Amino acid sequence: MYESVEVPQSLADAIAKGVSMVRACREYRGYSPEQLSLTSGLTVEEIAFLETHTQVKPSDVTRLSRALSQPESLFVSLLARED
């Protein structure tokens, strides 16, 4: 299914401090919510929701992974850690 992916240390540190996985990845790439909205096709409101909830639809994982140039397995592994 999904391969295990090593999480960049800066992402792991941000998540350990309580930053959501989606926000940590967005900030890691240097995107504002508006920029991520443009590259992912999600609305700014959807991104805000994803940054405050751990429930992410598979289609959103795909959009986020492509927009943030990260493998889907990174998002899956990080989501599993948040539960």
PDB file of N, CA and C in Angstrom:
ATOM      1  N   MET A   1       0.840  -1.183   0.000  1.00  0.00           N
ATOM      2  CA  MET A   1       0.000   0.000   0.000  1.00  0.00           C
ATOM      3  C   MET A   1       0.883   1.244   0.000  1.00  0.00           C
ATOM      4  N   TYR A   2       1.238   1.787   1.168  1.00  0.00           N
ATOM      5  CA  TYR A   2       2.107   2.956   1.240  1.00  0.00           C
ATOM      6  C   TYR A   2       3.433   2.555   1.849  1.00  0.00           C
ATOM      7  N   GLU A   3       4.501   3.119   1.305  1.00  0.00           N
ATOM      8  CA  GLU A   3       5.822   2.887   1.860  1.00  0.00           C
ATOM      9  C   GLU A   3       6.028   3.768   3.081  1.00  0.00           C
ATOM     10  N   SER A   4       6.899   3.332   3.961  1.00  0.00           N
ATOM     11  CA  SER A   4       7.294   4.158   5.087  1.00  0.00           C
ATOM     12  C   SER A   4       8.196   5.276   4.561  1.00  0.00           C
ATOM     13  N   VAL A   5       8.011   6.469   5.078  1.00  0.00           N
ATOM     14  CA  VAL A   5       8.785   7.624   4.631  1.00  0.00           C
ATOM     15  C   VAL A   5       9.422   8.274   5.837  1.00  0.00           C
ATOM     16  N   GLU A   6      10.668   8.673   5.679  1.00  0.00           N
ATOM     17  CA  GLU A   6      11.335   9.395   6.757  1.00  0.00           C
ATOM     18  C   GLU A   6      10.807  10.831   6.769  1.00  0.00           C
ATOM     19  N   VAL A   7      10.379  11.273   7.927  1.00  0.00           N
ATOM     20  CA  VAL A   7       9.820  12.609   8.079  1.00  0.00           C
ATOM     21  C   VAL A   7      10.961  13.592   8.292  1.00  0.00           C
ATOM     22  N   PRO A   8      11.024  14.667   7.491  1.00  0.00           N
ATOM     23  CA  PRO A   8      12.066  15.666   7.714  1.00  0.00           C
ATOM     24  C   PRO A   8      12.029  16.161   9.167  1.00  0.00           C
ATOM     25  N   GLN A   9      13.189  16.387   9.751  1.00  0.00           N
ATOM     26  CA  GLN A   9      13.272  16.754  11.160  1.00  0.00           C
ATOM     27  C   GLN A   9      12.472  18.011  11.486  1.00  0.00           C
ATOM     28  N   SER A  10      12.493  19.004  10.602  1.00  0.00           N
ATOM     29  CA  SER A  10      11.749  20.237  10.888  1.00  0.00           C
ATOM     30  C   SER A  10      10.246  19.974  10.968  1.00  0.00           C
ATOM     31  N   LEU A  11       9.742  19.045  10.157  1.00  0.00           N
ATOM     32  CA  LEU A  11       8.326  18.692  10.239  1.00  0.00           C
ATOM     33  C   LEU A  11       8.042  17.954  11.544  1.00  0.00           C
ATOM     34  N   ALA A  12       8.899  17.016  11.888  1.00  0.00           N
ATOM     35  CA  ALA A  12       8.712  16.272  13.131  1.00  0.00           C
ATOM     36  C   ALA A  12       8.748  17.207  14.333  1.00  0.00           C
ATOM     37  N   ASP A  13       9.657  18.180  14.317  1.00  0.00           N
ATOM     38  CA  ASP A  13       9.755  19.148  15.418  1.00  0.00           C
ATOM     39  C   ASP A  13       8.493  19.997  15.522  1.00  0.00           C
ATOM     40  N   ALA A  14       7.990  20.469  14.390  1.00  0.00           N
ATOM     41  CA  ALA A  14       6.778  21.294  14.396  1.00  0.00           C
ATOM     42  C   ALA A  14       5.590  20.505  14.910  1.00  0.00           C
ATOM     43  N   ILE A  15       5.459  19.275  14.473  1.00  0.00           N
ATOM     44  CA  ILE A  15       4.347  18.431  14.903  1.00  0.00           C
ATOM     45  C   ILE A  15       4.461  18.120  16.394  1.00  0.00           C
ATOM     46  N   ALA A  16       5.686  17.897  16.873  1.00  0.00           N
ATOM     47  CA  ALA A  16       5.904  17.640  18.300  1.00  0.00           C
ATOM     48  C   ALA A  16       5.492  18.847  19.144  1.00  0.00           C
ATOM     49  N   LYS A  17       5.578  20.038  18.556  1.00  0.00           N
ATOM     50  CA  LYS A  17       5.180  21.266  19.258  1.00  0.00           C
ATOM     51  C   LYS A  17       3.684  21.533  19.142  1.00  0.00           C
ATOM     52  N   GLY A  18       2.945  20.658  18.452  1.00  0.00           N
ATOM     53  CA  GLY A  18       1.501  20.800  18.347  1.00  0.00           C
ATOM     54  C   GLY A  18       0.987  21.409  17.058  1.00  0.00           C
ATOM     55  N   VAL A  19       1.868  21.681  16.105  1.00  0.00           N
ATOM     56  CA  VAL A  19       1.443  22.208  14.806  1.00  0.00           C
ATOM     57  C   VAL A  19       0.827  21.060  14.016  1.00  0.00           C
ATOM     58  N   SER A  20      -0.288  21.310  13.351  1.00  0.00           N
ATOM     59  CA  SER A  20      -0.923  20.240  12.573  1.00  0.00           C
ATOM     60  C   SER A  20      -0.024  19.805  11.420  1.00  0.00           C
ATOM     61  N   MET A  21      -0.209  18.559  11.006  1.00  0.00           N
ATOM     62  CA  MET A  21       0.589  18.002   9.924  1.00  0.00           C
ATOM     63  C   MET A  21       0.458  18.829   8.653  1.00  0.00           C
ATOM     64  N   VAL A  22      -0.758  19.212   8.300  1.00  0.00           N
ATOM     65  CA  VAL A  22      -0.963  19.956   7.049  1.00  0.00           C
ATOM     66  C   VAL A  22      -0.290  21.323   7.134  1.00  0.00           C
ATOM     67  N   ARG A  23      -0.471  22.014   8.243  1.00  0.00           N
ATOM     68  CA  ARG A  23       0.165  23.333   8.396  1.00  0.00           C
ATOM     69  C   ARG A  23       1.684  23.202   8.411  1.00  0.00           C
ATOM     70  N   ALA A  24       2.210  22.202   9.108  1.00  0.00           N
ATOM     71  CA  ALA A  24       3.658  22.010   9.160  1.00  0.00           C
ATOM     72  C   ALA A  24       4.225  21.785   7.753  1.00  0.00           C
ATOM     73  N   CYS A  25       3.552  20.966   6.966  1.00  0.00           N
ATOM     74  CA  CYS A  25       4.007  20.717   5.588  1.00  0.00           C
ATOM     75  C   CYS A  25       3.903  21.970   4.734  1.00  0.00           C
ATOM     76  N   ARG A  26       2.806  22.705   4.901  1.00  0.00           N
ATOM     77  CA  ARG A  26       2.631  23.950   4.131  1.00  0.00           C
ATOM     78  C   ARG A  26       3.750  24.934   4.455  1.00  0.00           C
ATOM     79  N   GLU A  27       4.026  25.119   5.738  1.00  0.00           N
ATOM     80  CA  GLU A  27       5.067  26.059   6.143  1.00  0.00           C
ATOM     81  C   GLU A  27       6.459  25.562   5.755  1.00  0.00           C
ATOM     82  N   TYR A  28       6.661  24.255   5.793  1.00  0.00           N
ATOM     83  CA  TYR A  28       7.933  23.658   5.371  1.00  0.00           C
ATOM     84  C   TYR A  28       8.235  24.029   3.918  1.00  0.00           C
ATOM     85  N   ARG A  29       7.202  24.035   3.090  1.00  0.00           N
ATOM     86  CA  ARG A  29       7.370  24.396   1.672  1.00  0.00           C
ATOM     87  C   ARG A  29       7.359  25.902   1.440  1.00  0.00           C
ATOM     88  N   GLY A  30       7.038  26.677   2.479  1.00  0.00           N
ATOM     89  CA  GLY A  30       7.049  28.134   2.361  1.00  0.00           C
ATOM     90  C   GLY A  30       5.800  28.719   1.723  1.00  0.00           C
ATOM     91  N   TYR A  31       4.689  27.977   1.771  1.00  0.00           N
ATOM     92  CA  TYR A  31       3.445  28.441   1.164  1.00  0.00           C
ATOM     93  C   TYR A  31       2.550  29.129   2.188  1.00  0.00           C
ATOM     94  N   SER A  32       1.858  30.155   1.732  1.00  0.00           N
ATOM     95  CA  SER A  32       0.753  30.730   2.503  1.00  0.00           C
ATOM     96  C   SER A  32      -0.469  29.863   2.221  1.00  0.00           C
ATOM     97  N   PRO A  33      -1.532  29.995   3.026  1.00  0.00           N
ATOM     98  CA  PRO A  33      -2.748  29.237   2.700  1.00  0.00           C
ATOM     99  C   PRO A  33      -3.265  29.560   1.293  1.00  0.00           C
ATOM    100  N   GLU A  34      -3.142  30.812   0.891  1.00  0.00           N
ATOM    101  CA  GLU A  34      -3.606  31.204  -0.447  1.00  0.00           C
ATOM    102  C   GLU A  34      -2.785  30.540  -1.549  1.00  0.00           C
ATOM    103  N   GLN A  35      -1.479  30.458  -1.348  1.00  0.00           N
ATOM    104  CA  GLN A  35      -0.625  29.807  -2.344  1.00  0.00           C
ATOM    105  C   GLN A  35      -0.925  28.311  -2.433  1.00  0.00           C
ATOM    106  N   LEU A  36      -1.127  27.679  -1.279  1.00  0.00           N
ATOM    107  CA  LEU A  36      -1.465  26.260  -1.288  1.00  0.00           C
ATOM    108  C   LEU A  36      -2.821  26.036  -1.948  1.00  0.00           C
ATOM    109  N   SER A  37      -3.737  26.958  -1.740  1.00  0.00           N
ATOM    110  CA  SER A  37      -5.041  26.870  -2.386  1.00  0.00           C
ATOM    111  C   SER A  37      -4.892  26.871  -3.908  1.00  0.00           C
ATOM    112  N   LEU A  38      -4.079  27.764  -4.408  1.00  0.00           N
ATOM    113  CA  LEU A  38      -3.878  27.853  -5.859  1.00  0.00           C
ATOM    114  C   LEU A  38      -3.215  26.603  -6.422  1.00  0.00           C
ATOM    115  N   THR A  39      -2.238  26.061  -5.714  1.00  0.00           N
ATOM    116  CA  THR A  39      -1.519  24.909  -6.252  1.00  0.00           C
ATOM    117  C   THR A  39      -2.258  23.592  -6.043  1.00  0.00           C
ATOM    118  N   SER A  40      -3.123  23.520  -5.031  1.00  0.00           N
ATOM    119  CA  SER A  40      -3.803  22.260  -4.730  1.00  0.00           C
ATOM    120  C   SER A  40      -5.207  22.163  -5.317  1.00  0.00           C
ATOM    121  N   GLY A  41      -5.817  23.315  -5.609  1.00  0.00           N
ATOM    122  CA  GLY A  41      -7.201  23.299  -6.061  1.00  0.00           C
ATOM    123  C   GLY A  41      -8.193  23.252  -4.918  1.00  0.00           C
ATOM    124  N   LEU A  42      -7.703  23.249  -3.684  1.00  0.00           N
ATOM    125  CA  LEU A  42      -8.578  23.324  -2.513  1.00  0.00           C
ATOM    126  C   LEU A  42      -8.834  24.783  -2.189  1.00  0.00           C
ATOM    127  N   THR A  43      -9.946  25.066  -1.563  1.00  0.00           N
ATOM    128  CA  THR A  43     -10.214  26.445  -1.166  1.00  0.00           C
ATOM    129  C   THR A  43      -9.420  26.777   0.090  1.00  0.00           C
ATOM    130  N   VAL A  44      -9.260  28.057   0.364  1.00  0.00           N
ATOM    131  CA  VAL A  44      -8.586  28.487   1.587  1.00  0.00           C
ATOM    132  C   VAL A  44      -9.345  27.962   2.806  1.00  0.00           C
ATOM    133  N   GLU A  45     -10.660  27.924   2.716  1.00  0.00           N
ATOM    134  CA  GLU A  45     -11.475  27.401   3.820  1.00  0.00           C
ATOM    135  C   GLU A  45     -11.211  25.908   4.037  1.00  0.00           C
ATOM    136  N   GLU A  46     -11.086  25.161   2.942  1.00  0.00           N
ATOM    137  CA  GLU A  46     -10.787  23.732   3.065  1.00  0.00           C
ATOM    138  C   GLU A  46      -9.415  23.522   3.700  1.00  0.00           C
ATOM    139  N   ILE A  47      -8.459  24.330   3.314  1.00  0.00           N
ATOM    140  CA  ILE A  47      -7.122  24.228   3.895  1.00  0.00           C
ATOM    141  C   ILE A  47      -7.173  24.550   5.385  1.00  0.00           C
ATOM    142  N   ALA A  48      -7.909  25.593   5.752  1.00  0.00           N
ATOM    143  CA  ALA A  48      -8.057  25.940   7.170  1.00  0.00           C
ATOM    144  C   ALA A  48      -8.668  24.772   7.938  1.00  0.00           C
ATOM    145  N   PHE A  49      -9.657  24.117   7.356  1.00  0.00           N
ATOM    146  CA  PHE A  49     -10.280  22.956   7.994  1.00  0.00           C
ATOM    147  C   PHE A  49      -9.255  21.832   8.157  1.00  0.00           C
ATOM    148  N   LEU A  50      -8.503  21.548   7.093  1.00  0.00           N
ATOM    149  CA  LEU A  50      -7.520  20.470   7.138  1.00  0.00           C
ATOM    150  C   LEU A  50      -6.410  20.761   8.149  1.00  0.00           C
ATOM    151  N   GLU A  51      -6.124  22.034   8.377  1.00  0.00           N
ATOM    152  CA  GLU A  51      -5.087  22.402   9.335  1.00  0.00           C
ATOM    153  C   GLU A  51      -5.565  22.298  10.779  1.00  0.00           C
ATOM    154  N   THR A  52      -6.865  22.160  10.985  1.00  0.00           N
ATOM    155  CA  THR A  52      -7.385  22.090  12.350  1.00  0.00           C
ATOM    156  C   THR A  52      -8.058  20.752  12.663  1.00  0.00           C
ATOM    157  N   HIS A  53      -8.088  19.842  11.707  1.00  0.00           N
ATOM    158  CA  HIS A  53      -8.712  18.532  11.908  1.00  0.00           C
ATOM    159  C   HIS A  53      -7.776  17.443  11.405  1.00  0.00           C
ATOM    160  N   THR A  54      -7.906  16.249  11.962  1.00  0.00           N
ATOM    161  CA  THR A  54      -7.074  15.138  11.501  1.00  0.00           C
ATOM    162  C   THR A  54      -7.774  14.283  10.454  1.00  0.00           C
ATOM    163  N   GLN A  55      -9.061  14.550  10.213  1.00  0.00           N
ATOM    164  CA  GLN A  55      -9.786  13.786   9.211  1.00  0.00           C
ATOM    165  C   GLN A  55      -9.525  14.378   7.834  1.00  0.00           C
ATOM    166  N   VAL A  56      -8.795  13.621   7.028  1.00  0.00           N
ATOM    167  CA  VAL A  56      -8.451  14.079   5.687  1.00  0.00           C
ATOM    168  C   VAL A  56      -8.895  13.017   4.699  1.00  0.00           C
ATOM    169  N   LYS A  57      -9.653  13.439   3.694  1.00  0.00           N
ATOM    170  CA  LYS A  57     -10.117  12.512   2.665  1.00  0.00           C
ATOM    171  C   LYS A  57      -8.938  12.089   1.785  1.00  0.00           C
ATOM    172  N   PRO A  58      -8.977  10.864   1.265  1.00  0.00           N
ATOM    173  CA  PRO A  58      -7.903  10.414   0.376  1.00  0.00           C
ATOM    174  C   PRO A  58      -7.667  11.365  -0.798  1.00  0.00           C
ATOM    175  N   SER A  59      -8.726  11.928  -1.349  1.00  0.00           N
ATOM    176  CA  SER A  59      -8.542  12.859  -2.475  1.00  0.00           C
ATOM    177  C   SER A  59      -7.795  14.116  -2.035  1.00  0.00           C
ATOM    178  N   ASP A  60      -8.016  14.544  -0.788  1.00  0.00           N
ATOM    179  CA  ASP A  60      -7.292  15.706  -0.278  1.00  0.00           C
ATOM    180  C   ASP A  60      -5.814  15.371  -0.056  1.00  0.00           C
ATOM    181  N   VAL A  61      -5.538  14.145   0.398  1.00  0.00           N
ATOM    182  CA  VAL A  61      -4.151  13.709   0.570  1.00  0.00           C
ATOM    183  C   VAL A  61      -3.424  13.773  -0.770  1.00  0.00           C
ATOM    184  N   THR A  62      -4.073  13.291  -1.813  1.00  0.00           N
ATOM    185  CA  THR A  62      -3.475  13.318  -3.141  1.00  0.00           C
ATOM    186  C   THR A  62      -3.207  14.749  -3.587  1.00  0.00           C
ATOM    187  N   ARG A  63      -4.178  15.626  -3.424  1.00  0.00           N
ATOM    188  CA  ARG A  63      -4.004  17.031  -3.832  1.00  0.00           C
ATOM    189  C   ARG A  63      -2.890  17.701  -3.038  1.00  0.00           C
ATOM    190  N   LEU A  64      -2.870  17.473  -1.728  1.00  0.00           N
ATOM    191  CA  LEU A  64      -1.844  18.086  -0.888  1.00  0.00           C
ATOM    192  C   LEU A  64      -0.455  17.555  -1.225  1.00  0.00           C
ATOM    193  N   SER A  65      -0.349  16.257  -1.418  1.00  0.00           N
ATOM    194  CA  SER A  65       0.969  15.688  -1.709  1.00  0.00           C
ATOM    195  C   SER A  65       1.519  16.224  -3.029  1.00  0.00           C
ATOM    196  N   ARG A  66       0.680  16.367  -4.002  1.00  0.00           N
ATOM    197  CA  ARG A  66       1.130  16.921  -5.288  1.00  0.00           C
ATOM    198  C   ARG A  66       1.496  18.391  -5.161  1.00  0.00           C
ATOM    199  N   ALA A  67       0.651  19.162  -4.489  1.00  0.00           N
ATOM    200  CA  ALA A  67       0.881  20.598  -4.354  1.00  0.00           C
ATOM    201  C   ALA A  67       2.134  20.900  -3.531  1.00  0.00           C
ATOM    202  N   LEU A  68       2.414  20.061  -2.543  1.00  0.00           N
ATOM    203  CA  LEU A  68       3.548  20.302  -1.657  1.00  0.00           C
ATOM    204  C   LEU A  68       4.784  19.482  -2.042  1.00  0.00           C
ATOM    205  N   SER A  69       4.703  18.784  -3.177  1.00  0.00           N
ATOM    206  CA  SER A  69       5.814  17.969  -3.675  1.00  0.00           C
ATOM    207  C   SER A  69       6.335  17.007  -2.615  1.00  0.00           C
ATOM    208  N   GLN A  70       5.391  16.352  -1.948  1.00  0.00           N
ATOM    209  CA  GLN A  70       5.718  15.365  -0.928  1.00  0.00           C
ATOM    210  C   GLN A  70       4.999  14.066  -1.283  1.00  0.00           C
ATOM    211  N   PRO A  71       5.576  12.927  -0.949  1.00  0.00           N
ATOM    212  CA  PRO A  71       4.899  11.660  -1.251  1.00  0.00           C
ATOM    213  C   PRO A  71       3.641  11.496  -0.401  1.00  0.00           C
ATOM    214  N   GLU A  72       2.628  10.866  -0.954  1.00  0.00           N
ATOM    215  CA  GLU A  72       1.397  10.619  -0.211  1.00  0.00           C
ATOM    216  C   GLU A  72       1.677   9.861   1.075  1.00  0.00           C
ATOM    217  N   SER A  73       2.640   8.973   1.035  1.00  0.00           N
ATOM    218  CA  SER A  73       2.951   8.180   2.227  1.00  0.00           C
ATOM    219  C   SER A  73       3.408   9.054   3.385  1.00  0.00           C
ATOM    220  N   LEU A  74       3.990  10.223   3.114  1.00  0.00           N
ATOM    221  CA  LEU A  74       4.355  11.139   4.189  1.00  0.00           C
ATOM    222  C   LEU A  74       3.105  11.605   4.918  1.00  0.00           C
ATOM    223  N   PHE A  75       2.091  11.996   4.169  1.00  0.00           N
ATOM    224  CA  PHE A  75       0.848  12.452   4.781  1.00  0.00           C
ATOM    225  C   PHE A  75       0.157  11.327   5.536  1.00  0.00           C
ATOM    226  N   VAL A  76       0.161  10.147   4.959  1.00  0.00           N
ATOM    227  CA  VAL A  76      -0.477   9.002   5.617  1.00  0.00           C
ATOM    228  C   VAL A  76       0.235   8.696   6.924  1.00  0.00           C
ATOM    229  N   SER A  77       1.566   8.690   6.917  1.00  0.00           N
ATOM    230  CA  SER A  77       2.305   8.383   8.135  1.00  0.00           C
ATOM    231  C   SER A  77       2.099   9.456   9.193  1.00  0.00           C
ATOM    232  N   LEU A  78       2.042  10.702   8.791  1.00  0.00           N
ATOM    233  CA  LEU A  78       1.831  11.782   9.754  1.00  0.00           C
ATOM    234  C   LEU A  78       0.429  11.777  10.298  1.00  0.00           C
ATOM    235  N   LEU A  79      -0.551  11.475   9.461  1.00  0.00           N
ATOM    236  CA  LEU A  79      -1.936  11.407   9.942  1.00  0.00           C
ATOM    237  C   LEU A  79      -2.084  10.288  10.960  1.00  0.00           C
ATOM    238  N   ALA A  80      -1.404   9.181  10.712  1.00  0.00           N
ATOM    239  CA  ALA A  80      -1.483   8.064  11.646  1.00  0.00           C
ATOM    240  C   ALA A  80      -0.916   8.462  13.007  1.00  0.00           C
ATOM    241  N   ARG A  81       0.076   9.345  13.045  1.00  0.00           N
ATOM    242  CA  ARG A  81       0.678   9.786  14.292  1.00  0.00           C
ATOM    243  C   ARG A  81      -0.232  10.737  15.065  1.00  0.00           C
ATOM    244  N   GLU A  82      -1.116  11.443  14.365  1.00  0.00           N
ATOM    245  CA  GLU A  82      -1.972  12.427  15.024  1.00  0.00           C
ATOM    246  C   GLU A  82      -3.140  11.793  15.724  1.00  0.00           C
ATOM    247  N   ASP A  83      -3.530  10.580  15.360  1.00  0.00           N
ATOM    248  CA  ASP A  83      -4.710   9.941  15.966  1.00  0.00           C
ATOM    249  C   ASP A  83      -4.436   9.488  17.376  1.00  0.00           C
TER     250      ASP A  83
END
